[in-house]
Amino acid sequence: MKNIFKTLLVCFLAIGLTNCEDNEKSPLAEQVNGSYVFIDIESPVIDVTALETSTFGGTLRTAVDNVASHEFEVRRVSGGLASEYVPIYSTTSFPAEFRISAPDIATALGIDVSEILPGDRFDFVGKTTGTDGSIVYENNLNADLFGEPGQRQAYNLQTFVSCPFFVEEAIGTYQLLSCGLTFCGGGNTFEVVAGEEPNTVVMLNPYNSFDPDTGEPFNIVVQVNPVTGEMTIDSQAAFDTADTGNNGFLPTKIETETGFYFSCVGFITTTLDNSIEQVGTGALFTFGALPFEAQKL
């Protein structure tokens, strides 16, 4: 993190930018020959109330007409246990409809569809074969391309079996599983309580961080769609930036990029955008997209 902070300062002092993100990327660092695809996700989750017919997916497209095929493998993560990856989808024509149902996944995994549960997660990894025989995976896709959501999702994407959200199910004690930063990666526990508005909850100091001026904990208000479990965090201060080892900044603000709150299994998963304002200059920086996952105990 200290190296990232130094790099951010170099960006600020050298070119006076107010935003410096993903500074290690080089637009010239082309690692593949352009045989890649992207996807527009139109159905983000599988609906548990329509398990047989609900689908996850969208439309696969190519940037250039030099792609021979694109395929996906999938694994199921249920109750903290992950299956092996198995093939589930392949296409040789573009644009192509990528639509995956729970029965499709069950068949690929060799299980009965009734074994698929609310809150189950499905991880997909993609592979593109070019007309010249070249192969593109996540790990050799150019960093700038992988930074684009449509590109990233064509090679590494997730979906869940959604369940209706109920505040009564959601409240309780949670353990923070992932936060993307060292200072909060030790398995903090925190409480979730009912919010003031319908379909809202409040995470009480999930980062175990306190406002340097007031000494008050950072509590985070979460709004949840009661039908799909899709969650929204409006921009709000979440932790003291000094906790990351970077001084001279106001508290870090976060807001959701994408996220789901599965009250049926007590699981929170989201990706958070963030902004950090430098004291005195008002210059804005970011840690980049941060994961946030927590499990109810």
C-alpha atoms as a PDB file:
ATOM      1  CA  MET A   1       0.000   0.000   0.000  1.00  0.00           C
ATOM      2  CA  LYS A   2       2.933   2.356   0.701  1.00  0.00           C
ATOM      3  CA  ASN A   3       4.152   1.786  -2.865  1.00  0.00           C
ATOM      4  CA  ILE A   4       0.693   2.580  -4.214  1.00  0.00           C
ATOM      5  CA  PHE A   5       0.612   5.754  -2.121  1.00  0.00           C
ATOM      6  CA  LYS A   6       4.027   6.844  -3.429  1.00  0.00           C
ATOM      7  CA  THR A   7       2.896   6.226  -6.992  1.00  0.00           C
ATOM      8  CA  LEU A   8      -0.230   8.281  -6.425  1.00  0.00           C
ATOM      9  CA  LEU A   9       1.871  11.152  -5.107  1.00  0.00           C
ATOM     10  CA  VAL A  10       4.169  10.980  -8.133  1.00  0.00           C
ATOM     11  CA  CYS A  11       1.139  11.186 -10.404  1.00  0.00           C
ATOM     12  CA  PHE A  12      -0.144  14.213  -8.513  1.00  0.00           C
ATOM     13  CA  LEU A  13       3.149  16.099  -8.280  1.00  0.00           C
ATOM     14  CA  ALA A  14       4.335  15.361 -11.801  1.00  0.00           C
ATOM     15  CA  ILE A  15       1.246  16.098 -13.847  1.00  0.00           C
ATOM     16  CA  GLY A  16      -1.164  17.736 -11.423  1.00  0.00           C
ATOM     17  CA  LEU A  17      -4.004  15.349 -12.061  1.00  0.00           C
ATOM     18  CA  THR A  18      -6.878  15.134  -9.645  1.00  0.00           C
ATOM     19  CA  ASN A  19      -7.468  11.511 -10.303  1.00  0.00           C
ATOM     20  CA  CYS A  20      -4.882   8.731 -10.529  1.00  0.00           C
ATOM     21  CA  GLU A  21      -6.195   5.222 -10.867  1.00  0.00           C
ATOM     22  CA  ASP A  22      -4.676   1.938 -12.048  1.00  0.00           C
ATOM     23  CA  ASN A  23      -1.352   3.698 -12.483  1.00  0.00           C
ATOM     24  CA  GLU A  24       0.557   0.571 -13.350  1.00  0.00           C
ATOM     25  CA  LYS A  25      -1.393   0.096 -16.563  1.00  0.00           C
ATOM     26  CA  SER A  26       0.271   0.938 -19.849  1.00  0.00           C
ATOM     27  CA  PRO A  27      -1.857   1.586 -22.928  1.00  0.00           C
ATOM     28  CA  LEU A  28       1.070   0.280 -25.004  1.00  0.00           C
ATOM     29  CA  ALA A  29       1.413  -3.017 -23.131  1.00  0.00           C
ATOM     30  CA  GLU A  30      -0.499  -5.103 -25.654  1.00  0.00           C
ATOM     31  CA  GLN A  31      -0.175  -8.723 -24.573  1.00  0.00           C
ATOM     32  CA  VAL A  32      -2.614 -10.324 -27.014  1.00  0.00           C
ATOM     33  CA  ASN A  33      -3.424  -9.895 -30.671  1.00  0.00           C
ATOM     34  CA  GLY A  34      -6.947  -8.561 -30.289  1.00  0.00           C
ATOM     35  CA  SER A  35      -8.839 -11.877 -30.490  1.00  0.00           C
ATOM     36  CA  TYR A  36     -11.124 -11.141 -27.580  1.00  0.00           C
ATOM     37  CA  VAL A  37     -14.796 -10.729 -26.749  1.00  0.00           C
ATOM     38  CA  PHE A  38     -16.886  -8.689 -24.364  1.00  0.00           C
ATOM     39  CA  ILE A  39     -20.309  -9.233 -22.856  1.00  0.00           C
ATOM     40  CA  ASP A  40     -23.225  -7.016 -21.923  1.00  0.00           C
ATOM     41  CA  ILE A  41     -24.836  -8.630 -18.869  1.00  0.00           C
ATOM     42  CA  GLU A  42     -28.604  -8.170 -19.084  1.00  0.00           C
ATOM     43  CA  SER A  43     -29.787 -10.683 -16.449  1.00  0.00           C
ATOM     44  CA  PRO A  44     -27.420 -10.466 -13.455  1.00  0.00           C
ATOM     45  CA  VAL A  45     -28.867 -13.182 -11.187  1.00  0.00           C
ATOM     46  CA  ILE A  46     -30.898 -16.394 -11.259  1.00  0.00           C
ATOM     47  CA  ASP A  47     -34.277 -15.923  -9.589  1.00  0.00           C
ATOM     48  CA  VAL A  48     -34.896 -18.554  -6.911  1.00  0.00           C
ATOM     49  CA  THR A  49     -38.662 -18.139  -7.355  1.00  0.00           C
ATOM     50  CA  ALA A  50     -38.345 -19.165 -11.039  1.00  0.00           C
ATOM     51  CA  LEU A  51     -35.425 -21.550 -10.821  1.00  0.00           C
ATOM     52  CA  GLU A  52     -36.396 -23.644 -13.849  1.00  0.00           C
ATOM     53  CA  THR A  53     -36.818 -20.732 -16.259  1.00  0.00           C
ATOM     54  CA  SER A  54     -34.778 -17.790 -14.947  1.00  0.00           C
ATOM     55  CA  THR A  55     -31.472 -17.232 -16.742  1.00  0.00           C
ATOM     56  CA  PHE A  56     -28.208 -15.412 -16.180  1.00  0.00           C
ATOM     57  CA  GLY A  57     -26.320 -13.794 -19.039  1.00  0.00           C
ATOM     58  CA  GLY A  58     -26.341 -11.361 -21.904  1.00  0.00           C
ATOM     59  CA  THR A  59     -24.887 -10.841 -25.375  1.00  0.00           C
ATOM     60  CA  LEU A  60     -21.341 -11.789 -26.389  1.00  0.00           C
ATOM     61  CA  ARG A  61     -19.714  -9.550 -28.989  1.00  0.00           C
ATOM     62  CA  THR A  62     -16.340  -9.270 -30.693  1.00  0.00           C
ATOM     63  CA  ALA A  63     -14.334  -6.137 -31.332  1.00  0.00           C
ATOM     64  CA  VAL A  64     -12.843  -7.519 -34.561  1.00  0.00           C
ATOM     65  CA  ASP A  65     -13.892 -10.394 -36.814  1.00  0.00           C
ATOM     66  CA  ASN A  66     -10.978 -12.602 -35.792  1.00  0.00           C
ATOM     67  CA  VAL A  67     -12.513 -14.808 -33.085  1.00  0.00           C
ATOM     68  CA  ALA A  68     -13.046 -18.493 -33.835  1.00  0.00           C
ATOM     69  CA  SER A  69     -14.767 -19.432 -30.570  1.00  0.00           C
ATOM     70  CA  HIS A  70     -15.463 -18.429 -26.999  1.00  0.00           C
ATOM     71  CA  GLU A  71     -16.269 -20.817 -24.171  1.00  0.00           C
ATOM     72  CA  PHE A  72     -17.025 -20.784 -20.467  1.00  0.00           C
ATOM     73  CA  GLU A  73     -16.422 -23.173 -17.608  1.00  0.00           C
ATOM     74  CA  VAL A  74     -18.385 -22.895 -14.359  1.00  0.00           C
ATOM     75  CA  ARG A  75     -18.103 -23.952 -10.754  1.00  0.00           C
ATOM     76  CA  ARG A  76     -20.599 -23.824  -7.905  1.00  0.00           C
ATOM     77  CA  VAL A  77     -19.789 -22.366  -4.482  1.00  0.00           C
ATOM     78  CA  SER A  78     -22.365 -23.432  -1.901  1.00  0.00           C
ATOM     79  CA  GLY A  79     -22.017 -23.291   1.855  1.00  0.00           C
ATOM     80  CA  GLY A  80     -18.382 -22.255   1.453  1.00  0.00           C
ATOM     81  CA  LEU A  81     -17.531 -25.359  -0.626  1.00  0.00           C
ATOM     82  CA  ALA A  82     -16.459 -25.029  -4.262  1.00  0.00           C
ATOM     83  CA  SER A  83     -16.899 -27.656  -6.964  1.00  0.00           C
ATOM     84  CA  GLU A  84     -14.467 -28.276  -9.805  1.00  0.00           C
ATOM     85  CA  TYR A  85     -14.788 -26.161 -12.956  1.00  0.00           C
ATOM     86  CA  VAL A  86     -16.696 -27.905 -15.760  1.00  0.00           C
ATOM     87  CA  PRO A  87     -17.487 -26.836 -19.358  1.00  0.00           C
ATOM     88  CA  ILE A  88     -20.912 -25.245 -19.786  1.00  0.00           C
ATOM     89  CA  TYR A  89     -21.006 -23.033 -22.901  1.00  0.00           C
ATOM     90  CA  SER A  90     -19.327 -22.588 -26.277  1.00  0.00           C
ATOM     91  CA  THR A  91     -20.076 -20.536 -29.381  1.00  0.00           C
ATOM     92  CA  THR A  92     -18.436 -20.048 -32.768  1.00  0.00           C
ATOM     93  CA  SER A  93     -20.654 -17.233 -34.070  1.00  0.00           C
ATOM     94  CA  PHE A  94     -20.973 -13.629 -32.910  1.00  0.00           C
ATOM     95  CA  PRO A  95     -22.872 -11.786 -31.631  1.00  0.00           C
ATOM     96  CA  ALA A  96     -24.103 -14.677 -29.502  1.00  0.00           C
ATOM     97  CA  GLU A  97     -26.675 -15.075 -26.764  1.00  0.00           C
ATOM     98  CA  PHE A  98     -25.122 -16.289 -23.506  1.00  0.00           C
ATOM     99  CA  ARG A  99     -28.014 -17.443 -21.328  1.00  0.00           C
ATOM    100  CA  ILE A 100     -27.458 -19.927 -18.517  1.00  0.00           C
ATOM    101  CA  SER A 101     -30.209 -21.391 -16.336  1.00  0.00           C
ATOM    102  CA  ALA A 102     -30.062 -23.368 -13.107  1.00  0.00           C
ATOM    103  CA  PRO A 103     -30.940 -26.589 -14.997  1.00  0.00           C
ATOM    104  CA  ASP A 104     -28.039 -25.892 -17.403  1.00  0.00           C
ATOM    105  CA  ILE A 105     -25.658 -25.567 -14.466  1.00  0.00           C
ATOM    106  CA  ALA A 106     -27.066 -28.627 -12.718  1.00  0.00           C
ATOM    107  CA  THR A 107     -26.597 -30.733 -15.859  1.00  0.00           C
ATOM    108  CA  ALA A 108     -23.010 -29.521 -16.304  1.00  0.00           C
ATOM    109  CA  LEU A 109     -22.173 -30.281 -12.666  1.00  0.00           C
ATOM    110  CA  GLY A 110     -23.968 -33.628 -12.672  1.00  0.00           C
ATOM    111  CA  ILE A 111     -26.392 -32.718  -9.888  1.00  0.00           C
ATOM    112  CA  ASP A 112     -30.146 -32.354  -9.588  1.00  0.00           C
ATOM    113  CA  VAL A 113     -31.514 -28.838  -9.990  1.00  0.00           C
ATOM    114  CA  SER A 114     -33.203 -29.214  -6.590  1.00  0.00           C
ATOM    115  CA  GLU A 115     -29.721 -29.203  -5.020  1.00  0.00           C
ATOM    116  CA  ILE A 116     -29.161 -25.610  -6.147  1.00  0.00           C
ATOM    117  CA  LEU A 117     -29.931 -23.336  -3.215  1.00  0.00           C
ATOM    118  CA  PRO A 118     -30.688 -19.643  -2.618  1.00  0.00           C
ATOM    119  CA  GLY A 119     -27.418 -17.767  -2.185  1.00  0.00           C
ATOM    120  CA  ASP A 120     -25.377 -20.265  -4.234  1.00  0.00           C
ATOM    121  CA  ARG A 121     -22.638 -18.570  -6.255  1.00  0.00           C
ATOM    122  CA  PHE A 122     -21.500 -19.579  -9.716  1.00  0.00           C
ATOM    123  CA  ASP A 123     -18.063 -18.546 -10.995  1.00  0.00           C
ATOM    124  CA  PHE A 124     -17.472 -18.500 -14.750  1.00  0.00           C
ATOM    125  CA  VAL A 125     -14.081 -18.376 -16.478  1.00  0.00           C
ATOM    126  CA  GLY A 126     -13.850 -17.656 -20.195  1.00  0.00           C
ATOM    127  CA  LYS A 127     -11.465 -18.618 -22.980  1.00  0.00           C
ATOM    128  CA  THR A 128     -11.271 -17.159 -26.487  1.00  0.00           C
ATOM    129  CA  THR A 129      -9.652 -18.890 -29.456  1.00  0.00           C
ATOM    130  CA  GLY A 130      -8.626 -16.620 -32.313  1.00  0.00           C
ATOM    131  CA  THR A 131      -8.841 -17.489 -36.001  1.00  0.00           C
ATOM    132  CA  ASP A 132      -5.035 -17.641 -35.937  1.00  0.00           C
ATOM    133  CA  GLY A 133      -5.084 -20.206 -33.120  1.00  0.00           C
ATOM    134  CA  SER A 134      -4.154 -17.758 -30.366  1.00  0.00           C
ATOM    135  CA  ILE A 135      -5.729 -18.294 -26.946  1.00  0.00           C
ATOM    136  CA  VAL A 136      -6.927 -15.526 -24.625  1.00  0.00           C
ATOM    137  CA  TYR A 137      -7.572 -16.111 -20.925  1.00  0.00           C
ATOM    138  CA  GLU A 138      -8.020 -13.680 -18.059  1.00  0.00           C
ATOM    139  CA  ASN A 139      -4.324 -13.896 -17.158  1.00  0.00           C
ATOM    140  CA  ASN A 140      -3.018 -12.826 -20.580  1.00  0.00           C
ATOM    141  CA  LEU A 141      -5.645 -10.229 -21.430  1.00  0.00           C
ATOM    142  CA  ASN A 142      -4.201  -6.741 -21.655  1.00  0.00           C
ATOM    143  CA  ALA A 143      -4.627  -4.913 -18.323  1.00  0.00           C
ATOM    144  CA  ASP A 144      -6.439  -1.966 -19.905  1.00  0.00           C
ATOM    145  CA  LEU A 145      -8.940  -4.283 -21.567  1.00  0.00           C
ATOM    146  CA  PHE A 146      -9.462  -6.295 -18.385  1.00  0.00           C
ATOM    147  CA  GLY A 147     -10.225  -3.039 -16.581  1.00  0.00           C
ATOM    148  CA  GLU A 148     -13.332  -2.605 -18.717  1.00  0.00           C
ATOM    149  CA  PRO A 149     -16.371  -4.331 -17.142  1.00  0.00           C
ATOM    150  CA  GLY A 150     -17.538  -5.887 -20.414  1.00  0.00           C
ATOM    151  CA  GLN A 151     -14.104  -7.333 -21.098  1.00  0.00           C
ATOM    152  CA  ARG A 152     -13.546  -8.459 -17.509  1.00  0.00           C
ATOM    153  CA  GLN A 153     -16.887 -10.247 -17.384  1.00  0.00           C
ATOM    154  CA  ALA A 154     -16.202 -12.196 -20.569  1.00  0.00           C
ATOM    155  CA  TYR A 155     -13.293 -13.909 -18.821  1.00  0.00           C
ATOM    156  CA  ASN A 156     -14.204 -13.824 -15.132  1.00  0.00           C
ATOM    157  CA  LEU A 157     -17.780 -13.348 -13.974  1.00  0.00           C
ATOM    158  CA  GLN A 158     -20.130 -14.417 -11.216  1.00  0.00           C
ATOM    159  CA  THR A 159     -23.807 -14.862 -10.621  1.00  0.00           C
ATOM    160  CA  PHE A 160     -25.917 -15.940  -7.677  1.00  0.00           C
ATOM    161  CA  VAL A 161     -29.231 -17.581  -6.985  1.00  0.00           C
ATOM    162  CA  SER A 162     -31.141 -14.602  -5.670  1.00  0.00           C
ATOM    163  CA  CYS A 163     -33.628 -14.733  -2.846  1.00  0.00           C
ATOM    164  CA  PRO A 164     -36.112 -12.160  -1.533  1.00  0.00           C
ATOM    165  CA  PHE A 165     -34.610  -9.788   1.025  1.00  0.00           C
ATOM    166  CA  PHE A 166     -36.044  -9.548   4.522  1.00  0.00           C
ATOM    167  CA  VAL A 167     -34.623  -7.172   7.119  1.00  0.00           C
ATOM    168  CA  GLU A 168     -35.544  -9.627   9.884  1.00  0.00           C
ATOM    169  CA  GLU A 169     -33.312 -12.275   8.292  1.00  0.00           C
ATOM    170  CA  ALA A 170     -30.478  -9.849   7.624  1.00  0.00           C
ATOM    171  CA  ILE A 171     -29.897  -8.451  11.119  1.00  0.00           C
ATOM    172  CA  GLY A 172     -27.249 -10.121  13.267  1.00  0.00           C
ATOM    173  CA  THR A 173     -23.482 -10.581  13.652  1.00  0.00           C
ATOM    174  CA  TYR A 174     -21.291 -10.842  10.556  1.00  0.00           C
ATOM    175  CA  GLN A 175     -17.658 -11.597   9.840  1.00  0.00           C
ATOM    176  CA  LEU A 176     -15.830  -9.566   7.208  1.00  0.00           C
ATOM    177  CA  LEU A 177     -14.319 -12.041   4.736  1.00  0.00           C
ATOM    178  CA  SER A 178     -12.816  -9.698   2.158  1.00  0.00           C
ATOM    179  CA  CYS A 179     -12.245  -5.954   1.947  1.00  0.00           C
ATOM    180  CA  GLY A 180      -9.372  -5.530  -0.523  1.00  0.00           C
ATOM    181  CA  LEU A 181      -7.142  -3.724   1.990  1.00  0.00           C
ATOM    182  CA  THR A 182      -4.627  -5.070   4.503  1.00  0.00           C
ATOM    183  CA  PHE A 183      -5.866  -3.241   7.593  1.00  0.00           C
ATOM    184  CA  CYS A 184      -9.349  -4.766   7.459  1.00  0.00           C
ATOM    185  CA  GLY A 185      -8.433  -8.240   6.276  1.00  0.00           C
ATOM    186  CA  GLY A 186      -8.244  -9.870   9.686  1.00  0.00           C
ATOM    187  CA  GLY A 187     -11.808 -11.145   9.921  1.00  0.00           C
ATOM    188  CA  ASN A 188     -13.449  -8.225  11.724  1.00  0.00           C
ATOM    189  CA  THR A 189     -16.882  -8.948  13.165  1.00  0.00           C
ATOM    190  CA  PHE A 190     -19.650  -6.359  13.099  1.00  0.00           C
ATOM    191  CA  GLU A 191     -23.378  -6.014  13.696  1.00  0.00           C
ATOM    192  CA  VAL A 192     -26.099  -5.366  11.146  1.00  0.00           C
ATOM    193  CA  VAL A 193     -29.212  -3.613  12.461  1.00  0.00           C
ATOM    194  CA  ALA A 194     -32.454  -2.452  10.872  1.00  0.00           C
ATOM    195  CA  GLY A 195     -32.344   0.941   9.178  1.00  0.00           C
ATOM    196  CA  GLU A 196     -34.816   3.778   9.530  1.00  0.00           C
ATOM    197  CA  GLU A 197     -36.288   3.304   6.048  1.00  0.00           C
ATOM    198  CA  PRO A 198     -37.995   0.176   4.658  1.00  0.00           C
ATOM    199  CA  ASN A 199     -35.621  -2.389   3.138  1.00  0.00           C
ATOM    200  CA  THR A 200     -32.551  -0.751   4.646  1.00  0.00           C
ATOM    201  CA  VAL A 201     -30.017  -2.015   7.142  1.00  0.00           C
ATOM    202  CA  VAL A 202     -27.000  -0.428   8.800  1.00  0.00           C
ATOM    203  CA  MET A 203     -23.609  -2.118   9.026  1.00  0.00           C
ATOM    204  CA  LEU A 204     -22.101  -0.952  12.318  1.00  0.00           C
ATOM    205  CA  ASN A 205     -18.441  -0.123  11.749  1.00  0.00           C
ATOM    206  CA  PRO A 206     -17.592  -3.089   9.492  1.00  0.00           C
ATOM    207  CA  TYR A 207     -14.064  -1.751   8.890  1.00  0.00           C
ATOM    208  CA  ASN A 208     -13.432  -1.286  12.639  1.00  0.00           C
ATOM    209  CA  SER A 209     -12.384   2.290  11.945  1.00  0.00           C
ATOM    210  CA  PHE A 210     -13.122   5.575  13.706  1.00  0.00           C
ATOM    211  CA  ASP A 211     -13.467   9.178  12.564  1.00  0.00           C
ATOM    212  CA  PRO A 212     -10.202  10.929  13.500  1.00  0.00           C
ATOM    213  CA  ASP A 213     -12.044  14.162  14.325  1.00  0.00           C
ATOM    214  CA  THR A 214     -15.031  12.895  16.302  1.00  0.00           C
ATOM    215  CA  GLY A 215     -13.933   9.446  17.426  1.00  0.00           C
ATOM    216  CA  GLU A 216     -17.239   8.054  16.170  1.00  0.00           C
ATOM    217  CA  PRO A 217     -17.364   4.712  14.316  1.00  0.00           C
ATOM    218  CA  PHE A 218     -18.166   4.609  10.621  1.00  0.00           C
ATOM    219  CA  ASN A 219     -21.594   3.042  10.162  1.00  0.00           C
ATOM    220  CA  ILE A 220     -22.743   2.257   6.624  1.00  0.00           C
ATOM    221  CA  VAL A 221     -26.348   2.449   5.416  1.00  0.00           C
ATOM    222  CA  VAL A 222     -27.367  -0.196   2.868  1.00  0.00           C
ATOM    223  CA  GLN A 223     -30.508  -0.159   0.715  1.00  0.00           C
ATOM    224  CA  VAL A 224     -31.685  -3.495  -0.711  1.00  0.00           C
ATOM    225  CA  ASN A 225     -34.171  -4.399  -3.427  1.00  0.00           C
ATOM    226  CA  PRO A 226     -36.617  -6.706  -1.589  1.00  0.00           C
ATOM    227  CA  VAL A 227     -37.258  -8.827  -4.690  1.00  0.00           C
ATOM    228  CA  THR A 228     -33.758  -9.412  -6.107  1.00  0.00           C
ATOM    229  CA  GLY A 229     -31.474  -8.719  -3.142  1.00  0.00           C
ATOM    230  CA  GLU A 230     -29.529  -6.162  -5.177  1.00  0.00           C
ATOM    231  CA  MET A 231     -27.912  -3.725  -2.756  1.00  0.00           C
ATOM    232  CA  THR A 232     -27.025  -0.050  -3.018  1.00  0.00           C
ATOM    233  CA  ILE A 233     -24.645   1.982  -0.878  1.00  0.00           C
ATOM    234  CA  ASP A 234     -24.832   5.696  -1.595  1.00  0.00           C
ATOM    235  CA  SER A 235     -21.591   7.653  -1.263  1.00  0.00           C
ATOM    236  CA  GLN A 236     -20.614   7.862   2.415  1.00  0.00           C
ATOM    237  CA  ALA A 237     -17.489   7.855   4.587  1.00  0.00           C
ATOM    238  CA  ALA A 238     -16.483   4.293   5.511  1.00  0.00           C
ATOM    239  CA  PHE A 239     -13.060   4.352   7.175  1.00  0.00           C
ATOM    240  CA  ASP A 240     -10.162   6.566   8.233  1.00  0.00           C
ATOM    241  CA  THR A 241      -7.715   6.655   5.319  1.00  0.00           C
ATOM    242  CA  ALA A 242      -4.848   6.803   7.829  1.00  0.00           C
ATOM    243  CA  ASP A 243      -5.712   3.205   8.784  1.00  0.00           C
ATOM    244  CA  THR A 244      -4.294   2.176   5.410  1.00  0.00           C
ATOM    245  CA  GLY A 245      -0.970   3.860   6.216  1.00  0.00           C
ATOM    246  CA  ASN A 246      -1.709   6.931   4.099  1.00  0.00           C
ATOM    247  CA  ASN A 247      -1.829  10.202   6.027  1.00  0.00           C
ATOM    248  CA  GLY A 248      -2.997  13.629   4.915  1.00  0.00           C
ATOM    249  CA  PHE A 249      -6.370  12.524   3.557  1.00  0.00           C
ATOM    250  CA  LEU A 250      -9.985  12.829   4.610  1.00  0.00           C
ATOM    251  CA  PRO A 251     -11.856   9.585   5.431  1.00  0.00           C
ATOM    252  CA  THR A 252     -12.355   7.308   2.431  1.00  0.00           C
ATOM    253  CA  LYS A 253     -15.819   7.435   0.881  1.00  0.00           C
ATOM    254  CA  ILE A 254     -17.388   4.368  -0.722  1.00  0.00           C
ATOM    255  CA  GLU A 255     -20.382   3.563  -2.913  1.00  0.00           C
ATOM    256  CA  THR A 256     -21.554   0.397  -4.614  1.00  0.00           C
ATOM    257  CA  GLU A 257     -20.530  -0.536  -8.122  1.00  0.00           C
ATOM    258  CA  THR A 258     -22.468  -3.811  -8.040  1.00  0.00           C
ATOM    259  CA  GLY A 259     -23.629  -5.903  -5.107  1.00  0.00           C
ATOM    260  CA  PHE A 260     -26.099  -8.330  -3.568  1.00  0.00           C
ATOM    261  CA  TYR A 261     -27.368  -8.961  -0.057  1.00  0.00           C
ATOM    262  CA  PHE A 262     -28.697 -12.494   0.379  1.00  0.00           C
ATOM    263  CA  SER A 263     -30.562 -12.401   3.662  1.00  0.00           C
ATOM    264  CA  CYS A 264     -31.676 -16.023   3.208  1.00  0.00           C
ATOM    265  CA  VAL A 265     -28.106 -17.217   3.758  1.00  0.00           C
ATOM    266  CA  GLY A 266     -26.721 -14.127   5.510  1.00  0.00           C
ATOM    267  CA  PHE A 267     -24.197 -13.277   2.797  1.00  0.00           C
ATOM    268  CA  ILE A 268     -23.124  -9.849   1.513  1.00  0.00           C
ATOM    269  CA  THR A 269     -21.070  -9.486  -1.662  1.00  0.00           C
ATOM    270  CA  THR A 270     -20.321  -6.264  -3.491  1.00  0.00           C
ATOM    271  CA  THR A 271     -17.698  -4.236  -5.312  1.00  0.00           C
ATOM    272  CA  LEU A 272     -17.129  -0.735  -3.994  1.00  0.00           C
ATOM    273  CA  ASP A 273     -16.004   2.380  -5.782  1.00  0.00           C
ATOM    274  CA  ASN A 274     -14.153   4.797  -3.519  1.00  0.00           C
ATOM    275  CA  SER A 275     -12.681   8.272  -3.411  1.00  0.00           C
ATOM    276  CA  ILE A 276     -10.037   9.852  -1.186  1.00  0.00           C
ATOM    277  CA  GLU A 277      -9.694  13.614  -0.872  1.00  0.00           C
ATOM    278  CA  GLN A 278      -6.278  15.027  -0.047  1.00  0.00           C
ATOM    279  CA  VAL A 279      -6.319  17.557   2.781  1.00  0.00           C
ATOM    280  CA  GLY A 280      -5.418  21.062   1.645  1.00  0.00           C
ATOM    281  CA  THR A 281      -5.456  20.463  -2.107  1.00  0.00           C
ATOM    282  CA  GLY A 282      -8.813  18.771  -2.636  1.00  0.00           C
ATOM    283  CA  ALA A 283      -7.135  16.370  -5.066  1.00  0.00           C
ATOM    284  CA  LEU A 284      -9.048  13.114  -5.443  1.00  0.00           C
ATOM    285  CA  PHE A 285      -7.492   9.659  -5.474  1.00  0.00           C
ATOM    286  CA  THR A 286      -8.791   6.102  -5.304  1.00  0.00           C
ATOM    287  CA  PHE A 287      -7.742   2.634  -4.193  1.00  0.00           C
ATOM    288  CA  GLY A 288      -9.500   1.213  -7.248  1.00  0.00           C
ATOM    289  CA  ALA A 289     -12.471  -1.145  -7.081  1.00  0.00           C
ATOM    290  CA  LEU A 290     -12.583  -2.840  -3.670  1.00  0.00           C
ATOM    291  CA  PRO A 291     -14.309  -6.151  -2.929  1.00  0.00           C
ATOM    292  CA  PHE A 292     -16.481  -6.495   0.168  1.00  0.00           C
ATOM    293  CA  GLU A 293     -17.777  -9.841   1.373  1.00  0.00           C
ATOM    294  CA  ALA A 294     -19.257 -10.728   4.748  1.00  0.00           C
ATOM    295  CA  GLN A 295     -20.965 -13.802   6.175  1.00  0.00           C
ATOM    296  CA  LYS A 296     -23.507 -13.926   8.972  1.00  0.00           C
ATOM    297  CA  LEU A 297     -22.292 -15.979  11.934  1.00  0.00           C
END
